Amino acid sequence: MTQKTRISFEGKDYIWTGTDWCDAETSLIPPLVIVRQLNRLLEQELRSEDTAISDTAVLIERARAARDALQHNRAEALMRRALRLSPGNRAALAVLCSILRARRRPQQALDETEEFQWTAYPPLLTSRAAALCDLNRWEEAKQEIGRALASGGSEEAFNVVHRIKAKRPDLYR
């Protein structure tokens, strides 16, 4: 697929830049409700292109971009494919966990990464900790994010810490 794709929806043209949508006429980002409709229209076109990819790193990168563009179905499909090609890939599991959380399925995110809960891979630990926060399991989230920070901090990890502190400041006294 070319870097930019033009799609018409309800009498207006929109451009997919590879990461975002914009109104072809004004270059403004359309409202979220329109972005979701545009994503559905684009999904079929991207699906055929995605199935030709066999490089796990490329699949992970596309899944991240799809997740960030709110193309959650596509993002999950890409990660499932990456995990079939590279079972147990920690980077793919971290992205899958974040996608399932974005789809409001934090328990499934934990269930699917349970086997890897003792990993030393910070992005996966961070994503699992965020899923625990989604479920209001604050003490467990604190333990998980502590392990992530011990292996290496990130902006996402510190965001989880702030989230825990906001809801359960008593855990940090």
Foldseek 3Di string as FASTA:
>chain_A
DDQWDWDDDPRFIWIRRLQAIAGPVPRHGDDPVVLVVVLVVCVVVVVVVLVVDLDLVVLLVSLVSCVNSVVLVSSLVSLVSSCVSPPPPQSSLLSNLQSCVSVVNLVVSCVVCVVVLVPLALSNLLSNLVSCVSVVVLVVSVVSLVSSVVSPDDPSSVVSVVSSCVVCVVVVD
